[in-house]
Amino acid sequence: MHANNVEHLAWTLPIFFLNGIFFPRLTVGLGAVVLVGRELYRTGYMSPEGPTSKIREYGAYPLNIAEALAVLSVSFVFLRHQFGGFASRRRIVRYFTHSQYDVQHEKLLKEIKDAKQMP
């Protein structure tokens, strides 16, 4: 059990650190899922059924999914860095990465641009 946790910590801590710089809210959510999943995994593994425990499985699935999503989001950061504005201009990316202040700022800039173009 301890070896499993250490093996996962070796790669998830740097992933969560990088992810937290760019997507802090997402990272907190994924971290909470990993924390709860690890505890369920540990509880199930330490139960009398051992590795075949259903509780262990209930912890393992969300834990592994959250870790995979963290890897995907760091991959997204890398791709965004590589391809620049192309990815950041996509509507779905903007939905998940822009705050309400970014949207208001863009509207204000557009209004200023439109006002300058009027005769």
N, C-alpha and C. Protein backbone atom coordinates (compact mmCIF):
# COMPACT_ATOMS: atom_id res chain seq x y z
N MET A 1 0.83 -1.19 0.00
CA MET A 1 0.00 0.00 0.00
C MET A 1 0.88 1.25 0.00
N HIS A 2 1.87 1.26 0.86
CA HIS A 2 2.76 2.42 0.94
C HIS A 2 3.53 2.61 -0.37
N ALA A 3 4.00 1.54 -0.94
CA ALA A 3 4.75 1.62 -2.20
C ALA A 3 3.87 2.17 -3.32
N ASN A 4 2.61 1.79 -3.35
CA ASN A 4 1.69 2.30 -4.36
C ASN A 4 1.54 3.81 -4.22
N ASN A 5 1.37 4.29 -3.00
CA ASN A 5 1.23 5.73 -2.77
C ASN A 5 2.50 6.48 -3.18
N VAL A 6 3.65 5.94 -2.83
CA VAL A 6 4.91 6.60 -3.16
C VAL A 6 5.13 6.63 -4.67
N GLU A 7 4.80 5.54 -5.35
CA GLU A 7 4.94 5.50 -6.80
C GLU A 7 4.08 6.56 -7.47
N HIS A 8 2.87 6.73 -6.99
CA HIS A 8 1.98 7.73 -7.58
C HIS A 8 2.40 9.15 -7.22
N LEU A 9 2.89 9.35 -6.01
CA LEU A 9 3.32 10.68 -5.61
C LEU A 9 4.49 11.18 -6.44
N ALA A 10 5.34 10.29 -6.89
CA ALA A 10 6.53 10.68 -7.64
C ALA A 10 6.18 11.42 -8.92
N TRP A 11 5.08 11.09 -9.55
CA TRP A 11 4.73 11.79 -10.78
C TRP A 11 3.51 12.71 -10.62
N THR A 12 2.65 12.45 -9.63
CA THR A 12 1.47 13.31 -9.51
C THR A 12 1.79 14.65 -8.85
N LEU A 13 2.73 14.70 -7.92
CA LEU A 13 3.05 15.97 -7.29
C LEU A 13 3.57 17.00 -8.30
N PRO A 14 4.53 16.65 -9.17
CA PRO A 14 4.94 17.65 -10.18
C PRO A 14 3.81 18.01 -11.14
N ILE A 15 2.99 17.03 -11.49
CA ILE A 15 1.87 17.31 -12.38
C ILE A 15 0.89 18.28 -11.73
N PHE A 16 0.56 18.04 -10.46
CA PHE A 16 -0.37 18.92 -9.76
C PHE A 16 0.25 20.30 -9.54
N PHE A 17 1.56 20.38 -9.33
CA PHE A 17 2.22 21.67 -9.18
C PHE A 17 2.10 22.48 -10.46
N LEU A 18 2.45 21.87 -11.59
CA LEU A 18 2.35 22.57 -12.88
C LEU A 18 0.91 22.92 -13.21
N ASN A 19 0.02 21.99 -12.94
CA ASN A 19 -1.39 22.21 -13.21
C ASN A 19 -1.94 23.35 -12.35
N GLY A 20 -1.49 23.43 -11.11
CA GLY A 20 -1.97 24.46 -10.19
C GLY A 20 -1.57 25.85 -10.60
N ILE A 21 -0.47 25.98 -11.31
CA ILE A 21 -0.06 27.30 -11.79
C ILE A 21 -1.03 27.83 -12.83
N PHE A 22 -1.49 26.96 -13.72
CA PHE A 22 -2.32 27.40 -14.83
C PHE A 22 -3.82 27.23 -14.56
N PHE A 23 -4.22 26.19 -13.85
CA PHE A 23 -5.62 25.92 -13.57
C PHE A 23 -5.82 25.65 -12.07
N PRO A 24 -5.79 26.68 -11.25
CA PRO A 24 -5.84 26.43 -9.80
C PRO A 24 -7.15 25.79 -9.32
N ARG A 25 -8.28 26.22 -9.84
CA ARG A 25 -9.56 25.65 -9.38
C ARG A 25 -9.71 24.20 -9.80
N LEU A 26 -9.34 23.91 -11.01
CA LEU A 26 -9.39 22.53 -11.50
C LEU A 26 -8.47 21.64 -10.68
N THR A 27 -7.30 22.15 -10.36
CA THR A 27 -6.33 21.38 -9.59
C THR A 27 -6.82 21.09 -8.19
N VAL A 28 -7.47 22.06 -7.57
CA VAL A 28 -8.02 21.83 -6.23
C VAL A 28 -9.08 20.73 -6.28
N GLY A 29 -9.95 20.79 -7.28
CA GLY A 29 -10.98 19.76 -7.42
C GLY A 29 -10.40 18.39 -7.66
N LEU A 30 -9.44 18.30 -8.58
CA LEU A 30 -8.82 17.02 -8.86
C LEU A 30 -8.04 16.52 -7.64
N GLY A 31 -7.38 17.43 -6.94
CA GLY A 31 -6.64 17.04 -5.74
C GLY A 31 -7.56 16.49 -4.67
N ALA A 32 -8.73 17.09 -4.51
CA ALA A 32 -9.69 16.58 -3.52
C ALA A 32 -10.18 15.19 -3.90
N VAL A 33 -10.43 14.97 -5.17
CA VAL A 33 -10.84 13.64 -5.62
C VAL A 33 -9.74 12.62 -5.38
N VAL A 34 -8.50 13.00 -5.66
CA VAL A 34 -7.37 12.09 -5.43
C VAL A 34 -7.24 11.78 -3.95
N LEU A 35 -7.38 12.80 -3.10
CA LEU A 35 -7.26 12.60 -1.66
C LEU A 35 -8.32 11.63 -1.14
N VAL A 36 -9.57 11.85 -1.52
CA VAL A 36 -10.66 10.96 -1.09
C VAL A 36 -10.48 9.57 -1.69
N GLY A 37 -10.10 9.52 -2.96
CA GLY A 37 -9.89 8.23 -3.62
C GLY A 37 -8.76 7.44 -2.97
N ARG A 38 -7.68 8.12 -2.60
CA ARG A 38 -6.57 7.44 -1.92
C ARG A 38 -7.02 6.87 -0.58
N GLU A 39 -7.83 7.63 0.15
CA GLU A 39 -8.28 7.16 1.45
C GLU A 39 -9.22 5.95 1.30
N LEU A 40 -10.13 6.00 0.33
CA LEU A 40 -10.99 4.85 0.08
C LEU A 40 -10.17 3.64 -0.37
N TYR A 41 -9.19 3.88 -1.21
CA TYR A 41 -8.32 2.82 -1.69
C TYR A 41 -7.60 2.16 -0.51
N ARG A 42 -7.06 3.00 0.39
CA ARG A 42 -6.34 2.49 1.55
C ARG A 42 -7.27 1.71 2.48
N THR A 43 -8.44 2.28 2.73
CA THR A 43 -9.40 1.61 3.62
C THR A 43 -9.82 0.25 3.05
N GLY A 44 -10.10 0.22 1.77
CA GLY A 44 -10.49 -1.04 1.14
C GLY A 44 -9.36 -2.05 1.13
N TYR A 45 -8.14 -1.57 0.90
CA TYR A 45 -7.00 -2.49 0.85
C TYR A 45 -6.70 -3.07 2.22
N MET A 46 -6.93 -2.29 3.27
CA MET A 46 -6.65 -2.75 4.63
C MET A 46 -7.80 -3.57 5.22
N SER A 47 -8.92 -3.64 4.51
CA SER A 47 -10.06 -4.42 5.00
C SER A 47 -9.75 -5.91 4.92
N PRO A 48 -10.60 -6.74 5.54
CA PRO A 48 -10.34 -8.19 5.52
C PRO A 48 -10.31 -8.78 4.11
N GLU A 49 -11.04 -8.18 3.15
CA GLU A 49 -11.02 -8.72 1.78
C GLU A 49 -9.71 -8.43 1.06
N GLY A 50 -8.98 -7.43 1.51
CA GLY A 50 -7.68 -7.09 0.91
C GLY A 50 -7.82 -6.48 -0.47
N PRO A 51 -6.98 -6.89 -1.41
CA PRO A 51 -6.98 -6.30 -2.75
C PRO A 51 -8.26 -6.53 -3.55
N THR A 52 -9.09 -7.46 -3.15
CA THR A 52 -10.33 -7.72 -3.89
C THR A 52 -11.51 -6.92 -3.33
N SER A 53 -11.26 -6.02 -2.42
CA SER A 53 -12.33 -5.26 -1.77
C SER A 53 -13.02 -4.32 -2.76
N LYS A 54 -14.33 -4.21 -2.65
CA LYS A 54 -15.10 -3.27 -3.48
C LYS A 54 -14.81 -1.83 -3.09
N ILE A 55 -14.53 -1.59 -1.81
CA ILE A 55 -14.22 -0.23 -1.35
C ILE A 55 -12.94 0.26 -2.02
N ARG A 56 -11.99 -0.63 -2.18
CA ARG A 56 -10.74 -0.27 -2.86
C ARG A 56 -11.02 0.15 -4.30
N GLU A 57 -11.90 -0.58 -4.95
CA GLU A 57 -12.26 -0.24 -6.33
C GLU A 57 -12.99 1.09 -6.40
N TYR A 58 -13.87 1.35 -5.41
CA TYR A 58 -14.59 2.63 -5.39
C TYR A 58 -13.65 3.81 -5.23
N GLY A 59 -12.51 3.58 -4.61
CA GLY A 59 -11.52 4.63 -4.49
C GLY A 59 -10.60 4.70 -5.69
N ALA A 60 -10.32 3.54 -6.28
CA ALA A 60 -9.35 3.49 -7.38
C ALA A 60 -9.87 4.15 -8.65
N TYR A 61 -11.12 3.96 -8.98
CA TYR A 61 -11.65 4.52 -10.23
C TYR A 61 -11.59 6.05 -10.26
N PRO A 62 -12.19 6.75 -9.30
CA PRO A 62 -12.11 8.21 -9.37
C PRO A 62 -10.68 8.72 -9.20
N LEU A 63 -9.89 8.02 -8.41
CA LEU A 63 -8.49 8.40 -8.21
C LEU A 63 -7.73 8.37 -9.53
N ASN A 64 -7.84 7.28 -10.25
CA ASN A 64 -7.12 7.16 -11.52
C ASN A 64 -7.67 8.10 -12.58
N ILE A 65 -8.97 8.31 -12.59
CA ILE A 65 -9.55 9.24 -13.55
C ILE A 65 -9.07 10.67 -13.27
N ALA A 66 -9.04 11.06 -12.00
CA ALA A 66 -8.58 12.41 -11.64
C ALA A 66 -7.11 12.59 -12.01
N GLU A 67 -6.30 11.57 -11.78
CA GLU A 67 -4.89 11.66 -12.14
C GLU A 67 -4.73 11.75 -13.66
N ALA A 68 -5.53 11.01 -14.40
CA ALA A 68 -5.46 11.08 -15.86
C ALA A 68 -5.90 12.45 -16.36
N LEU A 69 -6.93 13.03 -15.76
CA LEU A 69 -7.35 14.38 -16.15
C LEU A 69 -6.29 15.42 -15.83
N ALA A 70 -5.56 15.23 -14.74
CA ALA A 70 -4.47 16.15 -14.42
C ALA A 70 -3.37 16.07 -15.48
N VAL A 71 -3.05 14.87 -15.92
CA VAL A 71 -2.06 14.71 -16.98
C VAL A 71 -2.55 15.34 -18.27
N LEU A 72 -3.82 15.16 -18.59
CA LEU A 72 -4.37 15.76 -19.81
C LEU A 72 -4.35 17.29 -19.74
N SER A 73 -4.63 17.85 -18.58
CA SER A 73 -4.64 19.31 -18.49
C SER A 73 -3.22 19.88 -18.59
N VAL A 74 -2.22 19.17 -18.05
CA VAL A 74 -0.84 19.61 -18.23
C VAL A 74 -0.44 19.47 -19.70
N SER A 75 -0.91 18.42 -20.34
CA SER A 75 -0.66 18.26 -21.78
C SER A 75 -1.29 19.41 -22.55
N PHE A 76 -2.47 19.82 -22.13
CA PHE A 76 -3.13 20.95 -22.77
C PHE A 76 -2.30 22.22 -22.61
N VAL A 77 -1.72 22.43 -21.44
CA VAL A 77 -0.86 23.60 -21.22
C VAL A 77 0.33 23.56 -22.16
N PHE A 78 0.94 22.39 -22.30
CA PHE A 78 2.06 22.24 -23.22
C PHE A 78 1.64 22.54 -24.65
N LEU A 79 0.51 21.98 -25.07
CA LEU A 79 0.03 22.23 -26.43
C LEU A 79 -0.32 23.69 -26.65
N ARG A 80 -0.88 24.31 -25.63
CA ARG A 80 -1.21 25.73 -25.73
C ARG A 80 0.06 26.55 -25.88
N HIS A 81 1.09 26.15 -25.18
CA HIS A 81 2.37 26.85 -25.30
C HIS A 81 2.96 26.64 -26.69
N GLN A 82 2.87 25.43 -27.21
CA GLN A 82 3.44 25.11 -28.51
C GLN A 82 2.69 25.80 -29.66
N PHE A 83 1.37 25.81 -29.58
CA PHE A 83 0.59 26.30 -30.69
C PHE A 83 0.01 27.69 -30.46
N GLY A 84 0.38 28.30 -29.35
CA GLY A 84 0.04 29.69 -29.09
C GLY A 84 -1.44 29.98 -29.08
N GLY A 85 -1.81 31.02 -29.80
CA GLY A 85 -3.17 31.52 -29.77
C GLY A 85 -4.20 30.64 -30.46
N PHE A 86 -3.75 29.70 -31.29
CA PHE A 86 -4.71 28.87 -32.00
C PHE A 86 -5.63 28.14 -31.03
N ALA A 87 -5.06 27.47 -30.05
CA ALA A 87 -5.88 26.71 -29.10
C ALA A 87 -6.65 27.65 -28.17
N SER A 88 -6.03 28.75 -27.77
CA SER A 88 -6.69 29.64 -26.80
C SER A 88 -7.87 30.38 -27.42
N ARG A 89 -7.96 30.45 -28.74
CA ARG A 89 -9.11 31.11 -29.37
C ARG A 89 -10.29 30.18 -29.58
N ARG A 90 -10.14 28.90 -29.32
CA ARG A 90 -11.25 27.97 -29.46
C ARG A 90 -12.30 28.23 -28.39
N ARG A 91 -13.55 28.13 -28.77
CA ARG A 91 -14.66 28.46 -27.89
C ARG A 91 -14.70 27.59 -26.63
N ILE A 92 -14.49 26.29 -26.78
CA ILE A 92 -14.55 25.41 -25.61
C ILE A 92 -13.40 25.68 -24.65
N VAL A 93 -12.23 26.01 -25.18
CA VAL A 93 -11.09 26.32 -24.32
C VAL A 93 -11.35 27.60 -23.56
N ARG A 94 -11.90 28.59 -24.23
CA ARG A 94 -12.20 29.86 -23.58
C ARG A 94 -13.26 29.68 -22.49
N TYR A 95 -14.19 28.79 -22.71
CA TYR A 95 -15.23 28.55 -21.71
C TYR A 95 -14.64 28.06 -20.40
N PHE A 96 -13.64 27.19 -20.49
CA PHE A 96 -13.07 26.60 -19.27
C PHE A 96 -11.91 27.41 -18.69
N THR A 97 -11.31 28.29 -19.47
CA THR A 97 -10.11 28.98 -18.98
C THR A 97 -10.31 30.46 -18.71
N HIS A 98 -11.33 31.10 -19.27
CA HIS A 98 -11.52 32.54 -19.07
C HIS A 98 -12.48 32.79 -17.91
N SER A 99 -12.09 33.71 -17.04
CA SER A 99 -12.97 34.08 -15.94
C SER A 99 -13.96 35.14 -16.42
N GLN A 100 -14.89 35.51 -15.55
CA GLN A 100 -15.88 36.52 -15.92
C GLN A 100 -15.20 37.86 -16.17
N TYR A 101 -14.08 38.12 -15.51
CA TYR A 101 -13.35 39.38 -15.70
C TYR A 101 -12.69 39.43 -17.07
N ASP A 102 -12.20 38.28 -17.55
CA ASP A 102 -11.62 38.23 -18.89
C ASP A 102 -12.69 38.52 -19.93
N VAL A 103 -13.88 37.97 -19.74
CA VAL A 103 -14.98 38.19 -20.69
C VAL A 103 -15.39 39.66 -20.69
N GLN A 104 -15.51 40.26 -19.50
CA GLN A 104 -15.87 41.67 -19.42
C GLN A 104 -14.80 42.55 -20.05
N HIS A 105 -13.54 42.20 -19.85
CA HIS A 105 -12.44 42.96 -20.43
C HIS A 105 -12.48 42.90 -21.95
N GLU A 106 -12.75 41.73 -22.50
CA GLU A 106 -12.84 41.59 -23.95
C GLU A 106 -14.00 42.40 -24.51
N LYS A 107 -15.16 42.40 -23.81
CA LYS A 107 -16.30 43.20 -24.26
C LYS A 107 -15.95 44.68 -24.26
N LEU A 108 -15.28 45.13 -23.22
CA LEU A 108 -14.89 46.53 -23.13
C LEU A 108 -13.93 46.91 -24.24
N LEU A 109 -12.96 46.07 -24.52
CA LEU A 109 -12.03 46.34 -25.61
C LEU A 109 -12.73 46.39 -26.96
N LYS A 110 -13.71 45.51 -27.15
CA LYS A 110 -14.46 45.51 -28.40
C LYS A 110 -15.29 46.78 -28.54
N GLU A 111 -15.91 47.23 -27.44
CA GLU A 111 -16.69 48.46 -27.48
C GLU A 111 -15.79 49.66 -27.79
N ILE A 112 -14.61 49.69 -27.23
CA ILE A 112 -13.68 50.79 -27.51
C ILE A 112 -13.26 50.76 -28.97
N LYS A 113 -12.98 49.57 -29.48
CA LYS A 113 -12.59 49.44 -30.88
C LYS A 113 -13.72 49.88 -31.81
N ASP A 114 -14.96 49.46 -31.50
CA ASP A 114 -16.10 49.87 -32.30
C ASP A 114 -16.34 51.37 -32.24
N ALA A 115 -16.12 51.99 -31.07
CA ALA A 115 -16.32 53.43 -30.92
C ALA A 115 -15.30 54.20 -31.74
N LYS A 116 -14.10 53.71 -31.85
CA LYS A 116 -13.06 54.39 -32.65
C LYS A 116 -13.36 54.30 -34.14
N GLN A 117 -14.02 53.23 -34.56
CA GLN A 117 -14.30 53.05 -35.98
C GLN A 117 -15.50 53.89 -36.43
N MET A 118 -16.35 54.32 -35.52
CA MET A 118 -17.50 55.14 -35.89
C MET A 118 -17.02 56.54 -36.27
N PRO A 119 -17.64 57.13 -37.31
CA PRO A 119 -17.22 58.49 -37.76
C PRO A 119 -17.65 59.57 -36.80
